[in-house]
Amino acid sequence: MRQSEAHAALRSFLLSCHADGRRNVLVITGKGGPGREEETSLSSFMDSRERGVLRRNVPQWLGEPELRAIVVSYQSAAQPHGGGGALYVH
């Protein structure tokens, strides 16, 4: 997903879960993948700065006013559930 699509999907997912009475969910952000090998040096450098955008932004999104009212806390998931590429959201 693109960043704006992921932001809207996260918000919709969490609001829906809250309305359904779910209080603990797993949000998988991924860790950001490596660039393709055939890219040029400059584009590889640019891509390396963009890796992990969702991983970096989801915690910020969870603190936005609309979600702050329903998100009590979050923490990195255990390794079997995605480790650093996932969050438990409470």
N, C-alpha and C. Protein backbone atom coordinates (compact mmCIF):
# COMPACT_ATOMS: atom_id res chain seq x y z
N MET A 1 0.84 -1.20 0.00
CA MET A 1 0.00 0.00 0.00
C MET A 1 0.87 1.24 0.00
N ARG A 2 0.35 2.25 -0.57
CA ARG A 2 1.01 3.55 -0.44
C ARG A 2 0.73 4.09 0.95
N GLN A 3 1.53 5.05 1.36
CA GLN A 3 1.43 5.58 2.72
C GLN A 3 0.03 6.11 3.02
N SER A 4 -0.56 6.89 2.14
CA SER A 4 -1.89 7.46 2.40
C SER A 4 -2.95 6.36 2.48
N GLU A 5 -2.82 5.33 1.64
CA GLU A 5 -3.77 4.21 1.68
C GLU A 5 -3.63 3.43 2.99
N ALA A 6 -2.40 3.21 3.41
CA ALA A 6 -2.15 2.48 4.64
C ALA A 6 -2.67 3.26 5.85
N HIS A 7 -2.51 4.56 5.84
CA HIS A 7 -2.98 5.40 6.93
C HIS A 7 -4.51 5.28 7.05
N ALA A 8 -5.21 5.40 5.94
CA ALA A 8 -6.67 5.28 5.95
C ALA A 8 -7.11 3.87 6.36
N ALA A 9 -6.40 2.85 5.87
CA ALA A 9 -6.75 1.46 6.20
C ALA A 9 -6.53 1.19 7.69
N LEU A 10 -5.46 1.70 8.26
CA LEU A 10 -5.19 1.51 9.68
C LEU A 10 -6.29 2.16 10.52
N ARG A 11 -6.62 3.39 10.18
CA ARG A 11 -7.65 4.11 10.92
C ARG A 11 -8.99 3.36 10.83
N SER A 12 -9.37 2.95 9.66
CA SER A 12 -10.62 2.21 9.46
C SER A 12 -10.61 0.89 10.23
N PHE A 13 -9.50 0.16 10.14
CA PHE A 13 -9.37 -1.12 10.83
C PHE A 13 -9.51 -0.96 12.34
N LEU A 14 -8.80 -0.01 12.91
CA LEU A 14 -8.84 0.17 14.36
C LEU A 14 -10.20 0.65 14.84
N LEU A 15 -10.82 1.55 14.11
CA LEU A 15 -12.16 2.02 14.50
C LEU A 15 -13.18 0.89 14.40
N SER A 16 -13.06 0.06 13.38
CA SER A 16 -13.94 -1.10 13.22
C SER A 16 -13.74 -2.11 14.34
N CYS A 17 -12.49 -2.40 14.66
CA CYS A 17 -12.19 -3.33 15.76
C CYS A 17 -12.74 -2.82 17.07
N HIS A 18 -12.57 -1.55 17.31
CA HIS A 18 -13.07 -0.95 18.56
C HIS A 18 -14.60 -1.07 18.62
N ALA A 19 -15.27 -0.78 17.52
CA ALA A 19 -16.73 -0.87 17.47
C ALA A 19 -17.21 -2.30 17.70
N ASP A 20 -16.41 -3.28 17.27
CA ASP A 20 -16.74 -4.70 17.46
C ASP A 20 -16.35 -5.23 18.83
N GLY A 21 -15.75 -4.38 19.66
CA GLY A 21 -15.37 -4.79 21.01
C GLY A 21 -14.01 -5.46 21.10
N ARG A 22 -13.24 -5.44 20.02
CA ARG A 22 -11.89 -6.01 20.07
C ARG A 22 -10.96 -4.99 20.72
N ARG A 23 -10.21 -5.45 21.68
CA ARG A 23 -9.35 -4.52 22.43
C ARG A 23 -7.87 -4.75 22.21
N ASN A 24 -7.50 -5.85 21.58
CA ASN A 24 -6.10 -6.16 21.29
C ASN A 24 -6.00 -6.64 19.86
N VAL A 25 -5.19 -5.97 19.06
CA VAL A 25 -5.03 -6.37 17.66
C VAL A 25 -3.55 -6.38 17.29
N LEU A 26 -3.24 -7.09 16.24
CA LEU A 26 -1.89 -7.14 15.69
C LEU A 26 -1.87 -6.33 14.40
N VAL A 27 -1.00 -5.35 14.33
CA VAL A 27 -0.84 -4.53 13.13
C VAL A 27 0.52 -4.85 12.54
N ILE A 28 0.53 -5.34 11.32
CA ILE A 28 1.79 -5.72 10.66
C ILE A 28 2.20 -4.60 9.72
N THR A 29 3.33 -3.98 10.02
CA THR A 29 3.84 -2.88 9.20
C THR A 29 4.87 -3.36 8.19
N GLY A 30 5.52 -4.47 8.49
CA GLY A 30 6.67 -4.89 7.71
C GLY A 30 7.89 -4.12 8.18
N LYS A 31 9.03 -4.54 7.74
CA LYS A 31 10.28 -3.90 8.16
C LYS A 31 10.87 -3.02 7.08
N GLY A 32 10.28 -3.05 5.91
CA GLY A 32 10.85 -2.33 4.77
C GLY A 32 11.80 -3.27 4.05
N GLY A 33 11.54 -3.49 2.79
CA GLY A 33 12.33 -4.47 2.04
C GLY A 33 13.52 -3.85 1.35
N PRO A 34 14.45 -4.69 0.91
CA PRO A 34 15.61 -4.20 0.17
C PRO A 34 15.20 -3.74 -1.22
N GLY A 35 15.99 -2.83 -1.79
CA GLY A 35 15.72 -2.37 -3.15
C GLY A 35 16.05 -3.45 -4.15
N ARG A 36 15.58 -3.28 -5.37
CA ARG A 36 15.88 -4.25 -6.43
C ARG A 36 17.33 -4.11 -6.85
N GLU A 37 17.96 -5.22 -7.17
CA GLU A 37 19.39 -5.21 -7.52
C GLU A 37 19.71 -4.44 -8.78
N GLU A 38 18.75 -4.40 -9.74
CA GLU A 38 19.06 -3.76 -11.02
C GLU A 38 18.97 -2.23 -10.97
N GLU A 39 18.62 -1.66 -9.83
CA GLU A 39 18.50 -0.21 -9.75
C GLU A 39 19.89 0.43 -9.77
N THR A 40 19.93 1.68 -10.17
CA THR A 40 21.20 2.41 -10.18
C THR A 40 21.59 2.76 -8.76
N SER A 41 22.81 3.17 -8.58
CA SER A 41 23.31 3.53 -7.25
C SER A 41 22.49 4.65 -6.63
N LEU A 42 22.16 5.68 -7.42
CA LEU A 42 21.41 6.81 -6.89
C LEU A 42 20.01 6.38 -6.48
N SER A 43 19.32 5.60 -7.31
CA SER A 43 17.96 5.20 -6.94
C SER A 43 18.00 4.23 -5.76
N SER A 44 19.02 3.41 -5.65
CA SER A 44 19.13 2.53 -4.48
C SER A 44 19.32 3.35 -3.22
N PHE A 45 20.13 4.39 -3.33
CA PHE A 45 20.33 5.27 -2.18
C PHE A 45 19.02 5.94 -1.79
N MET A 46 18.27 6.44 -2.76
CA MET A 46 17.00 7.10 -2.47
C MET A 46 16.02 6.12 -1.84
N ASP A 47 15.95 4.89 -2.37
CA ASP A 47 15.04 3.88 -1.83
C ASP A 47 15.40 3.50 -0.40
N SER A 48 16.69 3.47 -0.08
CA SER A 48 17.09 3.06 1.26
C SER A 48 16.57 4.05 2.31
N ARG A 49 16.42 5.31 1.92
CA ARG A 49 15.88 6.29 2.86
C ARG A 49 14.38 6.10 3.06
N GLU A 50 13.70 5.49 2.07
CA GLU A 50 12.25 5.32 2.12
C GLU A 50 11.83 3.99 2.72
N ARG A 51 12.73 3.08 2.95
CA ARG A 51 12.36 1.78 3.51
C ARG A 51 11.81 1.93 4.90
N GLY A 52 10.84 1.11 5.22
CA GLY A 52 10.28 1.12 6.56
C GLY A 52 9.41 2.34 6.87
N VAL A 53 8.83 2.94 5.84
CA VAL A 53 8.01 4.13 6.03
C VAL A 53 6.84 3.83 6.96
N LEU A 54 6.14 2.72 6.73
CA LEU A 54 5.00 2.38 7.58
C LEU A 54 5.46 2.04 8.99
N ARG A 55 6.52 1.31 9.09
CA ARG A 55 7.06 0.95 10.41
C ARG A 55 7.36 2.20 11.22
N ARG A 56 7.85 3.21 10.56
CA ARG A 56 8.21 4.46 11.22
C ARG A 56 6.98 5.32 11.52
N ASN A 57 5.98 5.32 10.63
CA ASN A 57 4.86 6.24 10.76
C ASN A 57 3.68 5.70 11.57
N VAL A 58 3.47 4.39 11.62
CA VAL A 58 2.32 3.86 12.34
C VAL A 58 2.28 4.33 13.79
N PRO A 59 3.38 4.31 14.55
CA PRO A 59 3.30 4.82 15.93
C PRO A 59 2.83 6.28 16.00
N GLN A 60 3.24 7.10 15.04
CA GLN A 60 2.78 8.49 15.00
C GLN A 60 1.28 8.55 14.72
N TRP A 61 0.82 7.73 13.80
CA TRP A 61 -0.61 7.71 13.46
C TRP A 61 -1.45 7.26 14.65
N LEU A 62 -0.92 6.33 15.45
CA LEU A 62 -1.67 5.84 16.60
C LEU A 62 -1.87 6.94 17.65
N GLY A 63 -1.05 7.97 17.61
CA GLY A 63 -1.17 9.08 18.54
C GLY A 63 -2.02 10.23 18.04
N GLU A 64 -2.57 10.12 16.83
CA GLU A 64 -3.42 11.18 16.30
C GLU A 64 -4.73 11.24 17.08
N PRO A 65 -5.34 12.42 17.18
CA PRO A 65 -6.54 12.60 18.01
C PRO A 65 -7.64 11.56 17.81
N GLU A 66 -7.95 11.22 16.58
CA GLU A 66 -9.04 10.26 16.32
C GLU A 66 -8.74 8.89 16.91
N LEU A 67 -7.48 8.46 16.84
CA LEU A 67 -7.12 7.14 17.36
C LEU A 67 -6.69 7.18 18.81
N ARG A 68 -6.21 8.31 19.27
CA ARG A 68 -5.76 8.43 20.65
C ARG A 68 -6.89 8.09 21.62
N ALA A 69 -8.13 8.35 21.22
CA ALA A 69 -9.29 8.06 22.07
C ALA A 69 -9.53 6.56 22.25
N ILE A 70 -9.02 5.74 21.33
CA ILE A 70 -9.28 4.29 21.42
C ILE A 70 -8.02 3.46 21.61
N VAL A 71 -6.86 4.02 21.37
CA VAL A 71 -5.60 3.29 21.52
C VAL A 71 -5.01 3.61 22.89
N VAL A 72 -4.95 2.59 23.74
CA VAL A 72 -4.41 2.77 25.08
C VAL A 72 -2.89 2.69 25.04
N SER A 73 -2.37 1.70 24.30
CA SER A 73 -0.93 1.52 24.20
C SER A 73 -0.61 0.65 23.00
N TYR A 74 0.67 0.56 22.70
CA TYR A 74 1.15 -0.36 21.66
C TYR A 74 2.57 -0.77 22.02
N GLN A 75 2.98 -1.90 21.47
CA GLN A 75 4.33 -2.40 21.72
C GLN A 75 4.74 -3.29 20.56
N SER A 76 6.03 -3.48 20.40
CA SER A 76 6.53 -4.38 19.36
C SER A 76 6.02 -5.79 19.62
N ALA A 77 5.70 -6.49 18.56
CA ALA A 77 5.20 -7.85 18.67
C ALA A 77 6.34 -8.82 18.98
N ALA A 78 5.97 -9.97 19.54
CA ALA A 78 6.94 -11.04 19.76
C ALA A 78 7.41 -11.56 18.40
N GLN A 79 8.58 -12.14 18.36
CA GLN A 79 9.15 -12.63 17.10
C GLN A 79 8.21 -13.54 16.30
N PRO A 80 7.50 -14.49 16.92
CA PRO A 80 6.59 -15.34 16.14
C PRO A 80 5.43 -14.56 15.50
N HIS A 81 5.16 -13.36 15.98
CA HIS A 81 4.06 -12.55 15.44
C HIS A 81 4.54 -11.42 14.55
N GLY A 82 5.81 -11.40 14.21
CA GLY A 82 6.33 -10.38 13.31
C GLY A 82 7.46 -9.55 13.86
N GLY A 83 7.74 -9.69 15.15
CA GLY A 83 8.88 -8.97 15.74
C GLY A 83 8.83 -7.48 15.47
N GLY A 84 9.94 -6.93 15.01
CA GLY A 84 10.05 -5.50 14.75
C GLY A 84 9.23 -5.00 13.58
N GLY A 85 8.59 -5.92 12.85
CA GLY A 85 7.75 -5.53 11.72
C GLY A 85 6.27 -5.58 12.05
N ALA A 86 5.95 -5.62 13.34
CA ALA A 86 4.54 -5.68 13.76
C ALA A 86 4.38 -5.06 15.15
N LEU A 87 3.16 -4.64 15.43
CA LEU A 87 2.85 -4.03 16.72
C LEU A 87 1.60 -4.66 17.31
N TYR A 88 1.62 -4.88 18.62
CA TYR A 88 0.40 -5.19 19.34
C TYR A 88 -0.20 -3.83 19.69
N VAL A 89 -1.46 -3.64 19.36
CA VAL A 89 -2.15 -2.38 19.67
C VAL A 89 -3.26 -2.72 20.65
N HIS A 90 -3.28 -2.01 21.78
CA HIS A 90 -4.26 -2.24 22.83
C HIS A 90 -5.14 -1.01 22.98
